[in-house]
Protein backbone atom coordinates (compact mmCIF):
# COMPACT_ATOMS: atom_id res chain seq x y z
CA UNK A 1 0.00 0.00 0.00
CA UNK A 2 1.23 3.48 -0.88
CA UNK A 3 0.95 6.26 1.67
CA UNK A 4 -0.62 9.10 -0.31
CA UNK A 5 -1.14 11.51 2.61
CA UNK A 6 0.41 14.95 2.33
CA UNK A 7 0.81 17.54 5.10
CA UNK A 8 0.62 21.25 4.30
CA UNK A 9 0.52 23.52 7.33
CA UNK A 10 -2.20 22.17 9.59
CA UNK A 11 -3.94 20.37 6.73
CA UNK A 12 -3.66 16.65 6.09
CA UNK A 13 -4.58 15.83 2.49
CA UNK A 14 -5.61 12.24 1.70
CA UNK A 15 -3.72 12.60 -1.59
CA UNK A 16 -1.70 15.39 -3.23
CA UNK A 17 -4.31 16.39 -5.82
CA UNK A 18 -6.40 19.55 -5.41
CA UNK A 19 -8.77 21.20 -7.87
CA UNK A 20 -7.69 24.73 -8.75
CA UNK A 21 -9.72 27.81 -7.96
CA UNK A 22 -12.00 28.97 -10.74
CA UNK A 23 -12.06 25.61 -12.54
CA UNK A 24 -14.40 23.65 -10.27
CA UNK A 25 -16.94 26.28 -9.21
CA UNK A 26 -17.82 25.96 -5.55
CA UNK A 27 -17.73 22.17 -5.66
CA UNK A 28 -21.46 21.52 -5.70
CA UNK A 29 -21.62 22.05 -9.47
CA UNK A 30 -19.58 18.87 -10.00
CA UNK A 31 -21.17 16.56 -7.42
CA UNK A 32 -23.15 14.64 -10.07
CA UNK A 33 -20.02 13.89 -12.11
CA UNK A 34 -17.40 12.91 -9.53
CA UNK A 35 -17.07 11.51 -6.01
CA UNK A 36 -15.74 14.63 -4.32
CA UNK A 37 -14.69 12.67 -1.23
CA UNK A 38 -11.82 11.14 -3.21
CA UNK A 39 -10.13 14.45 -4.00
CA UNK A 40 -7.20 15.61 -1.92
CA UNK A 41 -8.98 18.92 -1.57
CA UNK A 42 -11.23 21.52 -3.16
CA UNK A 43 -10.16 25.12 -3.67
CA UNK A 44 -13.20 27.29 -4.21
CA UNK A 45 -13.76 29.92 -6.84
CA UNK A 46 -12.28 33.24 -5.71
CA UNK A 47 -14.41 35.18 -3.23
CA UNK A 48 -14.59 38.93 -2.82
CA UNK A 49 -16.54 40.89 -0.21
CA UNK A 50 -19.41 41.77 -2.55
CA UNK A 51 -20.73 39.89 -5.60
CA UNK A 52 -18.92 40.59 -8.86
CA UNK A 53 -20.29 40.22 -12.38
CA UNK A 54 -16.80 40.02 -13.84
CA UNK A 55 -15.79 41.13 -17.30
CA UNK A 56 -18.19 41.31 -20.26
CA UNK A 57 -18.07 38.51 -22.86
CA UNK A 58 -16.26 37.24 -24.77
CA UNK A 59 -14.12 36.24 -21.81
CA UNK A 60 -13.00 32.70 -22.66
CA UNK A 61 -11.20 31.55 -25.79
CA UNK A 62 -9.73 28.13 -26.54
CA UNK A 63 -6.26 28.24 -28.07
CA UNK A 64 -4.40 25.45 -29.87
CA UNK A 65 -2.81 24.27 -26.61
CA UNK A 66 -4.66 25.90 -23.77
CA UNK A 67 -7.29 28.37 -22.72
CA UNK A 68 -7.37 32.14 -22.46
CA UNK A 69 -9.70 33.57 -19.86
CA UNK A 70 -10.61 36.99 -18.61
CA UNK A 71 -13.46 36.14 -16.25
CA UNK A 72 -12.67 39.07 -14.00
CA UNK A 73 -13.14 37.19 -10.71
CA UNK A 74 -16.90 36.89 -11.12
CA UNK A 75 -18.32 35.44 -7.90
CA UNK A 76 -21.32 35.44 -5.58
CA UNK A 77 -19.60 37.28 -2.73
CA UNK A 78 -18.49 35.92 0.61
CA UNK A 79 -21.81 36.36 2.45
CA UNK A 80 -23.81 34.45 -0.15
CA UNK A 81 -21.09 31.78 -0.21
CA UNK A 82 -21.46 31.31 3.55
CA UNK A 83 -25.24 31.07 3.28
CA UNK A 84 -25.65 29.00 0.11
CA UNK A 85 -22.45 27.05 -0.62
CA UNK A 86 -20.65 26.35 2.64
CA UNK A 87 -23.38 24.13 4.18
CA UNK A 88 -22.99 21.61 1.35
CA UNK A 89 -19.21 21.85 1.29
CA UNK A 90 -19.13 20.88 4.97
CA UNK A 91 -20.67 17.51 4.06
CA UNK A 92 -17.81 16.52 1.72
CA UNK A 93 -15.10 14.32 3.21
CA UNK A 94 -12.17 16.27 1.83
CA UNK A 95 -10.08 19.32 2.65
CA UNK A 96 -11.75 22.67 1.94
CA UNK A 97 -9.66 25.68 0.97
CA UNK A 98 -11.30 29.02 0.22
CA UNK A 99 -9.65 31.29 -2.33
CA UNK A 100 -9.85 35.00 -1.54
CA UNK A 101 -9.50 37.84 -4.05
CA UNK A 102 -9.92 41.55 -3.37
CA UNK A 103 -9.20 45.05 -4.63
CA UNK A 104 -7.72 46.42 -1.39
CA UNK A 105 -5.83 45.06 1.60
CA UNK A 106 -8.77 46.00 3.81
CA UNK A 107 -11.13 43.92 1.67
CA UNK A 108 -8.82 40.89 1.87
CA UNK A 109 -8.83 41.16 5.65
CA UNK A 110 -12.60 41.65 5.89
CA UNK A 111 -13.35 38.59 3.75
CA UNK A 112 -10.96 36.46 5.79
CA UNK A 113 -12.47 37.67 9.07
CA UNK A 114 -15.98 36.74 7.91
CA UNK A 115 -14.82 33.27 6.88
CA UNK A 116 -12.98 32.78 10.19
CA UNK A 117 -16.35 32.86 11.96
CA UNK A 118 -17.47 29.75 10.05
CA UNK A 119 -16.85 26.06 10.66
CA UNK A 120 -15.68 23.60 8.02
CA UNK A 121 -12.94 25.64 6.35
CA UNK A 122 -9.45 24.13 6.55
CA UNK A 123 -7.39 26.85 4.92
CA UNK A 124 -7.16 29.83 2.62
CA UNK A 125 -5.48 30.53 -0.71
CA UNK A 126 -4.81 34.20 -1.36
CA UNK A 127 -5.13 35.29 -4.97
CA UNK A 128 -2.79 38.25 -5.41
CA UNK A 129 -3.27 38.53 -9.19
CA UNK A 130 -5.76 41.33 -8.57
CA UNK A 131 -5.50 45.07 -9.28
CA UNK A 132 -5.11 47.31 -6.24
CA UNK A 133 -7.72 50.02 -6.76
CA UNK A 134 -6.05 52.27 -4.17
CA UNK A 135 -2.71 52.23 -5.97
CA UNK A 136 -3.56 52.99 -9.57
CA UNK A 137 -4.37 49.42 -10.54
CA UNK A 138 -0.98 47.92 -9.68
CA UNK A 139 -1.31 44.15 -9.40
CA UNK A 140 -0.74 43.09 -5.78
CA UNK A 141 1.29 40.08 -6.79
CA UNK A 142 3.83 42.09 -8.82
CA UNK A 143 4.98 44.19 -5.84
CA UNK A 144 7.10 42.59 -3.13
CA UNK A 145 6.15 45.21 -0.49
CA UNK A 146 2.43 44.83 -1.28
CA UNK A 147 2.42 41.05 -1.23
CA UNK A 148 4.35 41.11 2.04
CA UNK A 149 1.87 43.51 3.62
CA UNK A 150 -1.17 41.49 2.51
CA UNK A 151 0.17 38.20 3.80
CA UNK A 152 1.47 39.71 7.03
CA UNK A 153 -1.92 41.26 7.78
CA UNK A 154 -3.81 38.08 6.93
CA UNK A 155 -1.43 35.84 8.85
CA UNK A 156 -2.35 37.73 12.02
CA UNK A 157 -6.05 37.02 11.45
CA UNK A 158 -5.96 33.22 11.25
CA UNK A 159 -4.23 30.17 12.66
CA UNK A 160 -5.50 28.05 9.78
CA UNK A 161 -3.34 27.01 6.85
CA UNK A 162 -2.59 30.02 4.67
CA UNK A 163 -0.99 30.02 1.26
CA UNK A 164 -0.50 32.49 -1.55
CA UNK A 165 -1.01 31.90 -5.27
CA UNK A 166 1.90 33.59 -7.02
CA UNK A 167 1.80 35.15 -10.47
CA UNK A 168 4.45 34.14 -13.04
CA UNK A 169 4.26 37.58 -14.64
CA UNK A 170 7.30 38.87 -12.75
CA UNK A 171 11.05 38.71 -13.31
CA UNK A 172 11.94 36.38 -10.40
CA UNK A 173 9.05 34.53 -8.80
CA UNK A 174 11.39 33.27 -6.07
CA UNK A 175 11.70 36.80 -4.65
CA UNK A 176 7.96 36.82 -4.01
CA UNK A 177 8.02 33.32 -2.54
CA UNK A 178 10.73 34.36 -0.09
CA UNK A 179 8.79 37.49 0.87
CA UNK A 180 5.65 35.60 1.84
CA UNK A 181 7.61 32.80 3.51
CA UNK A 182 9.29 35.38 5.75
CA UNK A 183 5.92 36.60 7.07
CA UNK A 184 4.74 33.12 7.95
CA UNK A 185 2.58 31.66 5.17
CA UNK A 186 2.39 27.87 5.16
CA UNK A 187 2.79 27.30 1.41
CA UNK A 188 2.79 28.92 -2.02
CA UNK A 189 0.84 27.94 -5.12
CA UNK A 190 3.03 28.17 -8.21
CA UNK A 191 1.71 29.41 -10.56
CA UNK A 192 -1.24 31.51 -11.74
CA UNK A 193 -1.92 32.11 -15.44
CA UNK A 194 0.48 33.67 -17.94
CA UNK A 195 -0.59 36.84 -19.75
CA UNK A 196 -1.62 36.06 -23.32
CA UNK A 197 -3.94 37.10 -26.13
CA UNK A 198 -5.50 36.00 -29.38
CA UNK A 199 -6.63 38.04 -32.40
CA UNK A 200 -9.49 37.58 -34.86
CA UNK A 201 -8.02 38.37 -38.30
CA UNK A 202 -11.50 38.82 -39.78
CA UNK A 203 -12.53 41.61 -37.41
CA UNK A 204 -9.02 42.75 -36.41
CA UNK A 205 -10.15 42.61 -32.81
CA UNK A 206 -8.98 40.65 -29.80
CA UNK A 207 -10.77 37.38 -29.06
CA UNK A 208 -11.32 38.69 -25.50
CA UNK A 209 -13.23 41.81 -24.50
CA UNK A 210 -10.32 42.84 -22.28
CA UNK A 211 -7.78 42.33 -25.11
CA UNK A 212 -5.42 40.24 -22.96
CA UNK A 213 -6.20 37.44 -20.51
CA UNK A 214 -4.67 34.57 -18.60
CA UNK A 215 -3.33 31.57 -20.49
CA UNK A 216 -3.67 28.15 -18.85
CA UNK A 217 -3.53 24.54 -19.99
CA UNK A 218 -0.79 22.35 -21.53
CA UNK A 219 1.01 25.31 -23.13
CA UNK A 220 2.12 26.68 -19.76
CA UNK A 221 3.32 23.43 -18.17
CA UNK A 222 7.03 23.85 -19.03
CA UNK A 223 6.92 27.38 -17.63
CA UNK A 224 5.17 26.23 -14.46
CA UNK A 225 7.66 23.41 -13.92
CA UNK A 226 10.55 25.84 -14.18
CA UNK A 227 8.87 28.24 -11.75
CA UNK A 228 8.27 25.47 -9.19
CA UNK A 229 11.90 24.38 -9.53
CA UNK A 230 13.07 27.98 -9.02
CA UNK A 231 10.92 28.45 -5.92
CA UNK A 232 11.90 25.07 -4.47
CA UNK A 233 15.52 26.18 -4.45
CA UNK A 234 14.62 29.38 -2.59
CA UNK A 235 12.18 28.48 0.20
CA UNK A 236 11.61 25.63 2.63
CA UNK A 237 7.81 25.87 2.81
CA UNK A 238 5.64 23.50 0.71
CA UNK A 239 4.90 24.37 -2.90
CA UNK A 240 1.66 23.49 -4.67
CA UNK A 241 2.37 23.07 -8.38
CA UNK A 242 -0.16 24.47 -10.85
CA UNK A 243 -0.10 24.79 -14.62
CA UNK A 244 -1.03 22.52 -17.50
CA UNK A 245 -1.40 19.26 -15.57
CA UNK A 246 -3.44 16.89 -17.71
CA UNK A 247 -2.23 13.44 -16.62
CA UNK A 248 -0.58 11.52 -13.76
CA UNK A 249 2.77 11.85 -15.55
CA UNK A 250 2.41 15.63 -15.60
CA UNK A 251 1.66 15.68 -11.87
CA UNK A 252 4.63 13.44 -11.07
CA UNK A 253 6.93 15.84 -12.92
CA UNK A 254 5.78 18.64 -10.61
CA UNK A 255 6.41 16.50 -7.53
CA UNK A 256 9.90 15.62 -8.72
CA UNK A 257 10.90 19.27 -9.24
CA UNK A 258 9.78 20.18 -5.72
CA UNK A 259 6.00 20.44 -5.43
CA UNK A 260 4.45 18.85 -2.35
CA UNK A 261 1.01 18.80 -3.99
CA UNK A 262 -0.59 19.83 -7.28
CA UNK A 263 -3.67 21.60 -8.52
CA UNK A 264 -5.67 20.54 -11.57
CA UNK A 265 -7.16 23.45 -13.47
CA UNK A 266 -8.07 23.59 -17.17
CA UNK A 267 -8.28 19.78 -17.39
CA UNK A 268 -11.40 19.92 -15.17
CA UNK A 269 -13.31 21.51 -18.05
CA UNK A 270 -12.56 18.46 -20.18
CA UNK A 271 -13.17 15.82 -17.51
CA UNK A 272 -14.44 16.81 -14.03
CA UNK A 273 -13.17 13.49 -12.65
CA UNK A 274 -9.61 14.02 -13.89
CA UNK A 275 -8.35 14.93 -10.42
CA UNK A 276 -9.26 11.52 -9.05
CA UNK A 277 -7.80 9.77 -12.09
CA UNK A 278 -4.55 11.65 -11.59
CA UNK A 279 -4.46 10.82 -7.86
CA UNK A 280 -4.98 7.14 -8.69
CA UNK A 281 -2.32 7.33 -11.38
CA UNK A 282 0.26 8.76 -8.96
CA UNK A 283 -0.47 5.95 -6.51
CA UNK A 284 -0.17 3.35 -9.28
CA UNK A 285 3.16 4.83 -10.37
CA UNK A 286 4.49 4.51 -6.83
CA UNK A 287 3.33 0.90 -6.63
CA UNK A 288 5.03 0.06 -9.92
CA UNK A 289 8.27 1.63 -8.75
CA UNK A 290 8.22 0.22 -5.20
CA UNK A 291 7.82 3.65 -3.64
CA UNK A 292 5.91 3.37 -0.36
CA UNK A 293 5.06 7.07 0.07
CA UNK A 294 4.19 9.81 -2.40
CA UNK A 295 6.23 12.22 -0.30
CA UNK A 296 9.40 10.44 -1.45
CA UNK A 297 8.84 11.86 -4.93
CA UNK A 298 8.92 15.46 -3.71
CA UNK A 299 12.10 17.20 -4.85
CA UNK A 300 13.68 13.93 -6.00
CA UNK A 301 14.81 15.33 -9.35
CA UNK A 302 18.29 14.17 -10.30
CA UNK A 303 20.46 17.07 -11.42
Foldseek 3Di string as FASTA:
>chain_A
DAQQWFDFQPDIFSHQEEADAPFCALVPVCVVAAQQLLFSEYEHHAAWAAADQFDDPPAWDADPFWIFGRRRSGDHHLVCCQVPPVVVLLVHNHAYEYEYEYQALVRSQVSLLVCVVDPRHQYYEYEQQFFNPVPVGDGQQADLVSLLVSLLSNVVRDSGAYEYAHAPPYDARLSNLVSNVVSPHREYEQHWFDKDWAADPVVRATNGPVRIGGTAAQVCLVVQLVNLLRNQVRDDHAYEGEGHDQALVSQLSSQQSAHSHYHDHPNCVVRVHRSSRSRVVLVVVCVVVVNRYSNVSHNNDDD
